[in-house]
Amino acid sequence: MSLKWTILSAALASALIISGCSKETASTNEEKPAAEEKAGKEEQVKSDTEEQGETEPEALVASYKEAVAELDKAKEDKEVDFAKVEEIYISDLQPLVKKRDEEFGEQIDQTLTAALAAGKNEEMNPVVVRQLFDKLMQKEFFQTVRHEFAEIDENWGNKEEVTKEYEEAMAFYSVLQGTVEKRDAAYESNMQDVISGGFSEIQSAIENDDKLAFSLGKQVVDKTLMKTFYYAVGAVPNGYATKASESAKTDETEAMIQQSEGWAFYQSVYPYLQKNAPEEADYILGQLDLQTEAKNIDAYKINRAFVRGFGKIALHEYEESKEAFGEEKGTVTAIEGALFINMIENDIKEILGEEETAKLNENAQAYLEAAKAGNKEEADKYMPLLEESLNNLIQKAQ
């Protein structure tokens, strides 16, 4: 590994360390008084509107596709016009990335700028640059879908405004759809159908002024996209962690490219995982770090770290559901718990067996129905069973 590559990869890792710290700040901010928090949100929405100007989601998506098309030349061993890609990024995409960086406390713009400069200066394999740009921009579109959902929540009651924000979320999601379909094909899953169902639920919720239905549909879309990124990185046997560790036995360059894809895809889930399961999150980050040689990647341990991490998050969601039972949050966190179980269902089957997995899913669904109905007596039957199964899973996923 060259000195320049080492310096750049260290800079990329640094951006994520800062990102992890910033999520703690975000968590602390949740304790602000409601009036102050609302004022802050209104100011953020105003700022976003002013900064975005007349740039429509479709135009941003078109610019992203144009940049990736130019970068795709690298995969055909053709010369890439990095100056053109830089121009597209700076003029069209950078403002969006900077807004998401500010909103989510990250430094993805710094990472993208460094990667493009490295490609232009021939300091990095152009295929690696292509993968970093593509996957990190997908992260930014994912974050922008989340941003649009936050604006829907903030502007609920203004049907015209939230309908526009829903349509914008759909436009930004179009970038991610190909990634979802690719993982569906690899794992014979149906995530695309689940996401489409979530968006349909959101649309119906807007039409019927049903805030709870919107909140539930939003979680289905959000967590299924997280599942997509997990499948791309750490699931077995088609995650990039597995691919890179296998390729390292025969082709170091291919392994490095696959490692960069895994690292970049991981950035879409790392902040969430780091907040709730920091030990597991940072282990995965260290394994995929571009300073780590691909031959040293342990795909099995990465997979198990994901399982423990998502299992801990599911337990956390159920704890919050107990505390907020009878409120909207109690129902929303109940579905989040079920969605995190679904995220690692294939792994649960391998670790606990088909029968235990089926029981866990049944208990998660029964608890969710009890939460929706506000039936605490019924919910209390299932909560201990969920906690027992998830704790057993975490213990065995070593």
Protein backbone atom coordinates (compact mmCIF):
# COMPACT_ATOMS: atom_id res chain seq x y z
CA MET A 1 0.00 0.00 0.00
CA SER A 2 1.47 3.37 -1.03
CA LEU A 3 2.08 6.19 1.43
CA LYS A 4 -0.43 8.41 -0.39
CA TRP A 5 -3.08 5.68 -0.22
CA THR A 6 -2.39 5.20 3.50
CA ILE A 7 -2.77 8.93 4.18
CA LEU A 8 -6.01 9.11 2.20
CA SER A 9 -7.51 6.03 3.83
CA ALA A 10 -6.64 7.45 7.25
CA ALA A 11 -8.48 10.65 6.29
CA LEU A 12 -11.51 8.63 5.22
CA ALA A 13 -11.51 6.72 8.51
CA SER A 14 -11.16 10.01 10.41
CA ALA A 15 -14.36 11.36 8.88
CA LEU A 16 -16.29 8.40 10.26
CA ILE A 17 -14.80 8.71 13.74
CA ILE A 18 -16.02 12.32 13.79
CA SER A 19 -19.38 11.08 12.53
CA GLY A 20 -19.69 8.64 15.42
CA CYS A 21 -18.94 11.37 17.96
CA SER A 22 -21.49 13.67 16.37
CA LYS A 23 -24.31 11.18 16.82
CA GLU A 24 -23.78 11.45 20.59
CA THR A 25 -24.32 15.20 20.27
CA ALA A 26 -27.47 14.55 18.28
CA SER A 27 -28.74 12.26 21.03
CA THR A 28 -28.10 14.92 23.66
CA ASN A 29 -29.98 17.50 21.60
CA GLU A 30 -33.14 15.40 21.92
CA GLU A 31 -33.37 16.57 25.52
CA LYS A 32 -33.91 20.22 24.51
CA PRO A 33 -37.27 21.78 25.41
CA ALA A 34 -39.95 21.06 22.84
CA ALA A 35 -40.39 24.71 21.82
CA GLU A 36 -36.66 25.15 21.23
CA GLU A 37 -36.46 21.90 19.28
CA LYS A 38 -39.42 22.88 17.09
CA ALA A 39 -37.90 26.29 16.38
CA GLY A 40 -34.65 24.58 15.40
CA LYS A 41 -36.44 22.24 13.02
CA GLU A 42 -38.33 25.10 11.41
CA GLU A 43 -35.07 27.00 10.91
CA GLN A 44 -33.46 23.87 9.38
CA VAL A 45 -36.36 23.43 6.94
CA LYS A 46 -36.15 27.10 5.98
CA SER A 47 -32.38 26.85 5.53
CA ASP A 48 -32.68 23.72 3.39
CA THR A 49 -35.26 25.37 1.15
CA GLU A 50 -33.13 28.46 0.65
CA GLU A 51 -29.95 26.46 -0.03
CA GLN A 52 -31.51 24.00 -2.43
CA GLY A 53 -32.92 26.76 -4.57
CA GLU A 54 -34.52 25.49 -7.76
CA THR A 55 -32.62 22.17 -7.88
CA GLU A 56 -35.21 19.41 -8.14
CA PRO A 57 -34.61 15.82 -6.95
CA GLU A 58 -34.82 14.54 -10.54
CA ALA A 59 -32.01 16.89 -11.57
CA LEU A 60 -29.82 15.74 -8.68
CA VAL A 61 -30.46 12.10 -9.56
CA ALA A 62 -29.59 12.82 -13.21
CA SER A 63 -26.32 14.47 -12.17
CA TYR A 64 -25.41 11.50 -9.98
CA LYS A 65 -26.08 9.11 -12.86
CA GLU A 66 -24.01 11.22 -15.24
CA ALA A 67 -21.06 11.20 -12.83
CA VAL A 68 -21.29 7.44 -12.27
CA ALA A 69 -21.53 6.82 -16.02
CA GLU A 70 -18.23 8.65 -16.49
CA LEU A 71 -16.64 6.75 -13.60
CA ASP A 72 -17.89 3.46 -15.06
CA LYS A 73 -15.24 3.83 -17.77
CA ALA A 74 -12.72 2.71 -15.16
CA LYS A 75 -14.34 -0.73 -15.04
CA GLU A 76 -13.70 -1.04 -18.79
CA ASP A 77 -10.07 0.04 -18.38
CA LYS A 78 -10.81 3.34 -20.12
CA GLU A 79 -9.60 6.75 -19.05
CA VAL A 80 -11.96 8.59 -16.70
CA ASP A 81 -12.43 12.34 -17.04
CA PHE A 82 -12.12 13.09 -13.33
CA ALA A 83 -12.25 16.83 -13.99
CA LYS A 84 -15.72 16.33 -15.45
CA VAL A 85 -16.84 14.27 -12.45
CA GLU A 86 -15.45 16.86 -10.05
CA GLU A 87 -17.31 19.61 -11.90
CA ILE A 88 -20.59 17.67 -11.72
CA TYR A 89 -20.05 16.97 -8.04
CA ILE A 90 -19.13 20.52 -7.06
CA SER A 91 -21.79 22.29 -9.10
CA ASP A 92 -24.70 19.88 -8.61
CA LEU A 93 -24.24 17.38 -5.79
CA GLN A 94 -21.94 18.98 -3.24
CA PRO A 95 -24.57 21.40 -1.87
CA LEU A 96 -26.84 18.45 -1.05
CA VAL A 97 -24.00 16.49 0.56
CA LYS A 98 -22.96 19.48 2.67
CA LYS A 99 -26.53 19.92 3.90
CA ARG A 100 -26.72 16.28 4.95
CA ASP A 101 -23.30 16.55 6.61
CA GLU A 102 -24.55 19.47 8.67
CA GLU A 103 -27.85 17.80 9.47
CA PHE A 104 -26.42 14.42 10.48
CA GLY A 105 -23.07 15.58 11.85
CA GLU A 106 -20.88 13.85 9.26
CA GLN A 107 -18.06 14.68 6.84
CA ILE A 108 -18.97 12.78 3.70
CA ASP A 109 -18.20 15.80 1.50
CA GLN A 110 -14.61 15.71 2.74
CA THR A 111 -14.42 12.01 1.92
CA LEU A 112 -15.88 12.37 -1.57
CA THR A 113 -13.68 15.35 -2.37
CA ALA A 114 -10.56 13.47 -1.23
CA ALA A 115 -11.48 10.37 -3.25
CA LEU A 116 -12.11 12.32 -6.46
CA ALA A 117 -8.85 14.24 -6.02
CA ALA A 118 -6.99 10.97 -5.50
CA GLY A 119 -8.47 9.60 -8.71
CA LYS A 120 -7.59 12.74 -10.64
CA ASN A 121 -4.00 12.68 -9.32
CA GLU A 122 -3.65 8.94 -10.01
CA GLU A 123 -3.13 8.24 -6.31
CA MET A 124 -5.96 5.70 -6.13
CA ASN A 125 -7.22 2.91 -8.35
CA PRO A 126 -9.96 4.57 -10.45
CA VAL A 127 -12.32 1.62 -9.90
CA VAL A 128 -11.98 2.12 -6.14
CA VAL A 129 -12.78 5.81 -6.61
CA ARG A 130 -15.82 4.84 -8.66
CA GLN A 131 -17.09 2.51 -5.93
CA LEU A 132 -16.50 5.02 -3.14
CA PHE A 133 -18.29 7.78 -5.04
CA ASP A 134 -21.24 5.58 -6.01
CA LYS A 135 -21.81 4.00 -2.60
CA LEU A 136 -21.27 7.18 -0.58
CA MET A 137 -23.64 9.11 -2.82
CA GLN A 138 -26.18 6.33 -2.29
CA LYS A 139 -25.72 6.95 1.43
CA GLU A 140 -26.45 10.65 0.89
CA PHE A 141 -29.63 9.87 -1.06
CA PHE A 142 -30.65 7.48 1.75
CA GLN A 143 -30.07 10.26 4.27
CA THR A 144 -32.07 12.60 2.08
CA VAL A 145 -35.00 10.15 2.07
CA ARG A 146 -34.78 10.31 5.87
CA HIS A 147 -34.65 14.10 5.67
CA GLU A 148 -37.83 14.18 3.59
CA PHE A 149 -39.54 11.90 6.10
CA ALA A 150 -38.53 14.29 8.89
CA GLU A 151 -40.05 17.18 6.93
CA ILE A 152 -43.27 15.22 6.43
CA ASP A 153 -43.40 14.69 10.18
CA GLU A 154 -42.68 18.38 10.83
CA ASN A 155 -45.28 19.63 8.34
CA TRP A 156 -47.99 17.07 9.05
CA GLY A 157 -51.40 18.60 8.48
CA ASN A 158 -50.28 20.55 5.41
CA LYS A 159 -51.37 17.99 2.83
CA GLU A 160 -49.95 19.84 -0.18
CA GLU A 161 -46.53 20.23 1.43
CA VAL A 162 -46.22 16.67 2.75
CA THR A 163 -47.38 15.26 -0.58
CA LYS A 164 -44.55 17.15 -2.27
CA GLU A 165 -42.06 15.84 0.28
CA TYR A 166 -43.35 12.30 -0.21
CA GLU A 167 -42.79 12.62 -3.97
CA GLU A 168 -39.27 13.94 -3.35
CA ALA A 169 -38.51 10.98 -1.08
CA MET A 170 -39.67 8.64 -3.85
CA ALA A 171 -37.42 10.42 -6.36
CA PHE A 172 -34.36 10.09 -4.12
CA TYR A 173 -35.21 6.46 -3.40
CA SER A 174 -35.06 5.72 -7.15
CA VAL A 175 -31.24 5.85 -6.86
CA LEU A 176 -31.31 3.07 -4.27
CA GLN A 177 -33.80 0.82 -6.01
CA GLY A 178 -31.18 -0.94 -8.14
CA THR A 179 -29.17 -1.81 -5.01
CA VAL A 180 -32.29 -3.25 -3.37
CA GLU A 181 -33.13 -5.32 -6.45
CA LYS A 182 -29.56 -6.64 -6.66
CA ARG A 183 -29.68 -7.86 -3.04
CA ASP A 184 -33.13 -9.37 -3.61
CA ALA A 185 -31.68 -11.38 -6.48
CA ALA A 186 -28.66 -12.46 -4.43
CA TYR A 187 -30.67 -13.57 -1.38
CA GLU A 188 -34.04 -14.44 -2.94
CA SER A 189 -35.64 -11.82 -0.71
CA ASN A 190 -38.51 -9.40 -1.35
CA MET A 191 -37.19 -6.11 0.02
CA GLN A 192 -38.27 -4.14 -3.04
CA ASP A 193 -41.89 -5.25 -2.49
CA VAL A 194 -41.66 -4.44 1.23
CA ILE A 195 -40.31 -0.94 0.52
CA SER A 196 -42.98 -0.33 -2.11
CA GLY A 197 -45.56 -1.38 0.46
CA GLY A 198 -44.09 1.04 2.98
CA PHE A 199 -44.26 3.93 0.54
CA SER A 200 -47.86 2.98 -0.33
CA GLU A 201 -48.72 3.01 3.36
CA ILE A 202 -47.20 6.48 3.68
CA GLN A 203 -49.17 7.73 0.68
CA SER A 204 -52.44 6.37 2.11
CA ALA A 205 -51.60 7.85 5.51
CA ILE A 206 -51.20 11.30 3.94
CA GLU A 207 -54.49 10.96 2.08
CA ASN A 208 -56.30 9.78 5.24
CA ASP A 209 -54.49 12.10 7.68
CA ASP A 210 -53.31 9.06 9.68
CA LYS A 211 -50.10 10.09 11.46
CA LEU A 212 -49.48 6.70 13.08
CA ALA A 213 -49.77 4.91 9.73
CA PHE A 214 -47.19 7.33 8.31
CA SER A 215 -44.82 6.63 11.21
CA LEU A 216 -45.14 2.88 10.73
CA GLY A 217 -44.71 3.06 6.96
CA LYS A 218 -41.66 5.28 7.37
CA GLN A 219 -40.03 2.68 9.61
CA VAL A 220 -40.70 -0.09 7.10
CA VAL A 221 -38.94 1.88 4.34
CA ASP A 222 -36.06 3.04 6.54
CA LYS A 223 -35.23 -0.29 8.20
CA THR A 224 -35.63 -2.29 4.99
CA LEU A 225 -33.10 0.02 3.33
CA MET A 226 -30.80 -0.62 6.30
CA LYS A 227 -31.33 -4.33 5.71
CA THR A 228 -30.32 -3.82 2.09
CA PHE A 229 -27.03 -2.21 3.14
CA TYR A 230 -26.43 -4.99 5.68
CA TYR A 231 -26.97 -7.59 2.97
CA ALA A 232 -24.46 -5.72 0.80
CA VAL A 233 -21.80 -5.64 3.53
CA GLY A 234 -21.97 -8.37 6.13
CA ALA A 235 -24.55 -10.99 5.22
CA VAL A 236 -23.38 -14.44 4.16
CA PRO A 237 -22.48 -15.50 1.51
CA ASN A 238 -22.84 -12.48 -0.79
CA GLY A 239 -21.70 -9.56 1.36
CA TYR A 240 -18.60 -7.64 0.34
CA ALA A 241 -16.80 -8.70 3.52
CA THR A 242 -17.01 -12.31 2.34
CA LYS A 243 -16.18 -11.40 -1.25
CA ALA A 244 -13.12 -9.35 -0.30
CA SER A 245 -11.72 -11.98 2.07
CA GLU A 246 -12.14 -14.67 -0.60
CA SER A 247 -10.69 -12.55 -3.42
CA ALA A 248 -7.67 -11.70 -1.27
CA LYS A 249 -6.49 -15.29 -1.68
CA THR A 250 -5.96 -14.84 -5.42
CA ASP A 251 -6.42 -11.20 -6.52
CA GLU A 252 -5.34 -8.35 -4.24
CA THR A 253 -6.66 -5.63 -6.55
CA GLU A 254 -10.12 -7.17 -6.80
CA ALA A 255 -10.13 -7.68 -3.03
CA MET A 256 -9.26 -4.00 -2.47
CA ILE A 257 -12.09 -2.90 -4.76
CA GLN A 258 -14.60 -5.15 -2.96
CA GLN A 259 -13.33 -3.95 0.41
CA SER A 260 -13.89 -0.34 -0.66
CA GLU A 261 -17.45 -1.22 -1.71
CA GLY A 262 -18.12 -2.87 1.64
CA TRP A 263 -16.59 0.06 3.55
CA ALA A 264 -18.62 2.63 1.61
CA PHE A 265 -21.92 0.72 1.91
CA TYR A 266 -21.28 0.30 5.64
CA GLN A 267 -21.34 4.06 6.17
CA SER A 268 -25.12 4.00 5.67
CA VAL A 269 -25.65 1.90 8.81
CA TYR A 270 -22.55 2.63 10.91
CA PRO A 271 -23.87 5.74 12.77
CA TYR A 272 -27.08 3.95 13.81
CA LEU A 273 -25.20 0.82 14.87
CA GLN A 274 -22.49 2.80 16.65
CA LYS A 275 -25.03 4.65 18.78
CA ASN A 276 -26.61 1.46 20.13
CA ALA A 277 -23.90 -1.20 19.82
CA PRO A 278 -20.57 0.69 19.70
CA GLU A 279 -18.30 -2.30 20.28
CA GLU A 280 -19.75 -4.23 17.35
CA ALA A 281 -20.02 -1.16 15.12
CA ASP A 282 -16.39 -0.15 15.61
CA TYR A 283 -15.13 -3.71 15.16
CA ILE A 284 -16.80 -3.86 11.73
CA LEU A 285 -15.46 -0.42 10.84
CA GLY A 286 -11.94 -1.47 11.76
CA GLN A 287 -12.19 -4.65 9.72
CA LEU A 288 -13.37 -2.81 6.62
CA ASP A 289 -11.07 0.19 7.11
CA LEU A 290 -9.12 0.82 3.92
CA GLN A 291 -5.90 0.60 5.93
CA THR A 292 -6.71 -3.03 6.82
CA GLU A 293 -5.35 -5.51 4.30
CA ALA A 294 -8.15 -7.51 2.72
CA LYS A 295 -6.44 -10.79 3.60
CA ASN A 296 -6.96 -9.93 7.28
CA ILE A 297 -10.72 -9.43 6.97
CA ASP A 298 -12.68 -12.00 8.99
CA ALA A 299 -16.07 -12.17 7.27
CA TYR A 300 -17.50 -14.59 9.86
CA LYS A 301 -16.69 -12.28 12.78
CA ILE A 302 -18.08 -9.30 10.85
CA ASN A 303 -21.32 -11.18 10.28
CA ARG A 304 -21.62 -12.15 13.93
CA ALA A 305 -20.86 -8.58 15.02
CA PHE A 306 -23.77 -7.40 12.85
CA VAL A 307 -26.05 -10.03 14.41
CA ARG A 308 -25.11 -9.04 17.96
CA GLY A 309 -25.40 -5.36 17.11
CA PHE A 310 -28.84 -5.57 15.50
CA GLY A 311 -29.97 -7.92 18.27
CA LYS A 312 -28.98 -5.30 20.86
CA ILE A 313 -30.82 -2.62 18.89
CA ALA A 314 -33.96 -4.78 18.81
CA LEU A 315 -33.77 -5.17 22.60
CA HIS A 316 -33.34 -1.40 22.94
CA GLU A 317 -36.40 -0.75 20.77
CA TYR A 318 -38.50 -3.13 22.87
CA GLU A 319 -37.30 -1.46 26.07
CA GLU A 320 -38.44 1.89 24.66
CA SER A 321 -41.74 0.32 23.61
CA LYS A 322 -42.36 -0.86 27.19
CA GLU A 323 -41.59 2.60 28.57
CA ALA A 324 -43.88 4.35 26.06
CA PHE A 325 -46.64 1.74 25.92
CA GLY A 326 -50.00 3.24 25.07
CA GLU A 327 -48.38 6.13 23.20
CA GLU A 328 -47.56 6.40 19.50
CA LYS A 329 -43.87 5.89 20.28
CA GLY A 330 -44.66 2.58 21.96
CA THR A 331 -46.17 1.25 18.74
CA VAL A 332 -43.47 2.70 16.48
CA THR A 333 -40.65 1.16 18.53
CA ALA A 334 -42.53 -2.15 18.56
CA ILE A 335 -42.43 -2.30 14.78
CA GLU A 336 -38.78 -1.21 14.82
CA GLY A 337 -37.95 -4.15 17.06
CA ALA A 338 -39.70 -6.52 14.68
CA LEU A 339 -37.92 -4.98 11.68
CA PHE A 340 -34.48 -5.43 13.25
CA ILE A 341 -35.33 -9.08 13.90
CA ASN A 342 -36.35 -9.40 10.26
CA MET A 343 -33.06 -7.78 9.23
CA ILE A 344 -31.06 -10.74 10.52
CA GLU A 345 -33.68 -13.49 10.16
CA ASN A 346 -31.46 -15.68 7.97
CA ASP A 347 -28.69 -15.48 10.56
CA ILE A 348 -31.10 -16.23 13.40
CA LYS A 349 -32.19 -19.40 11.62
CA GLU A 350 -28.58 -20.51 11.40
CA ILE A 351 -27.80 -19.70 15.04
CA LEU A 352 -31.05 -20.62 16.84
CA GLY A 353 -32.71 -22.92 14.32
CA GLU A 354 -35.88 -22.72 12.24
CA GLU A 355 -38.28 -23.47 15.10
CA GLU A 356 -36.91 -20.84 17.50
CA THR A 357 -36.81 -18.27 14.68
CA ALA A 358 -40.45 -18.93 13.82
CA LYS A 359 -41.41 -18.48 17.48
CA LEU A 360 -39.43 -15.25 17.70
CA ASN A 361 -41.21 -13.84 14.63
CA GLU A 362 -44.61 -14.93 15.98
CA ASN A 363 -43.93 -13.28 19.33
CA ALA A 364 -42.72 -10.09 17.65
CA GLN A 365 -45.88 -9.92 15.54
CA ALA A 366 -48.13 -10.69 18.53
CA TYR A 367 -46.45 -7.98 20.61
CA LEU A 368 -46.83 -5.47 17.77
CA GLU A 369 -50.55 -6.20 17.47
CA ALA A 370 -50.94 -5.81 21.24
CA ALA A 371 -49.07 -2.49 21.10
CA LYS A 372 -51.30 -1.23 18.28
CA ALA A 373 -54.37 -2.19 20.30
CA GLY A 374 -52.98 -0.74 23.53
CA ASN A 375 -53.51 -4.12 25.22
CA LYS A 376 -50.80 -4.12 27.91
CA GLU A 377 -51.91 -7.38 29.51
CA GLU A 378 -51.49 -9.17 26.18
CA ALA A 379 -48.22 -7.37 25.41
CA ASP A 380 -46.77 -8.42 28.77
CA LYS A 381 -47.14 -12.07 27.75
CA TYR A 382 -44.79 -11.67 24.82
CA MET A 383 -42.17 -9.20 26.01
CA PRO A 384 -40.29 -11.67 28.27
CA LEU A 385 -40.24 -14.21 25.43
CA LEU A 386 -38.78 -11.65 23.03
CA GLU A 387 -36.14 -10.60 25.52
CA GLU A 388 -35.17 -14.19 26.28
CA SER A 389 -34.78 -15.11 22.59
CA LEU A 390 -32.81 -11.98 21.71
CA ASN A 391 -30.46 -12.33 24.69
CA ASN A 392 -29.93 -15.99 23.73
CA LEU A 393 -29.15 -14.91 20.16
CA ILE A 394 -26.63 -12.29 21.26
CA GLN A 395 -24.89 -14.77 23.55
CA LYS A 396 -24.62 -17.42 20.84
CA ALA A 397 -23.56 -15.02 18.05
CA GLN A 398 -19.91 -15.02 19.12
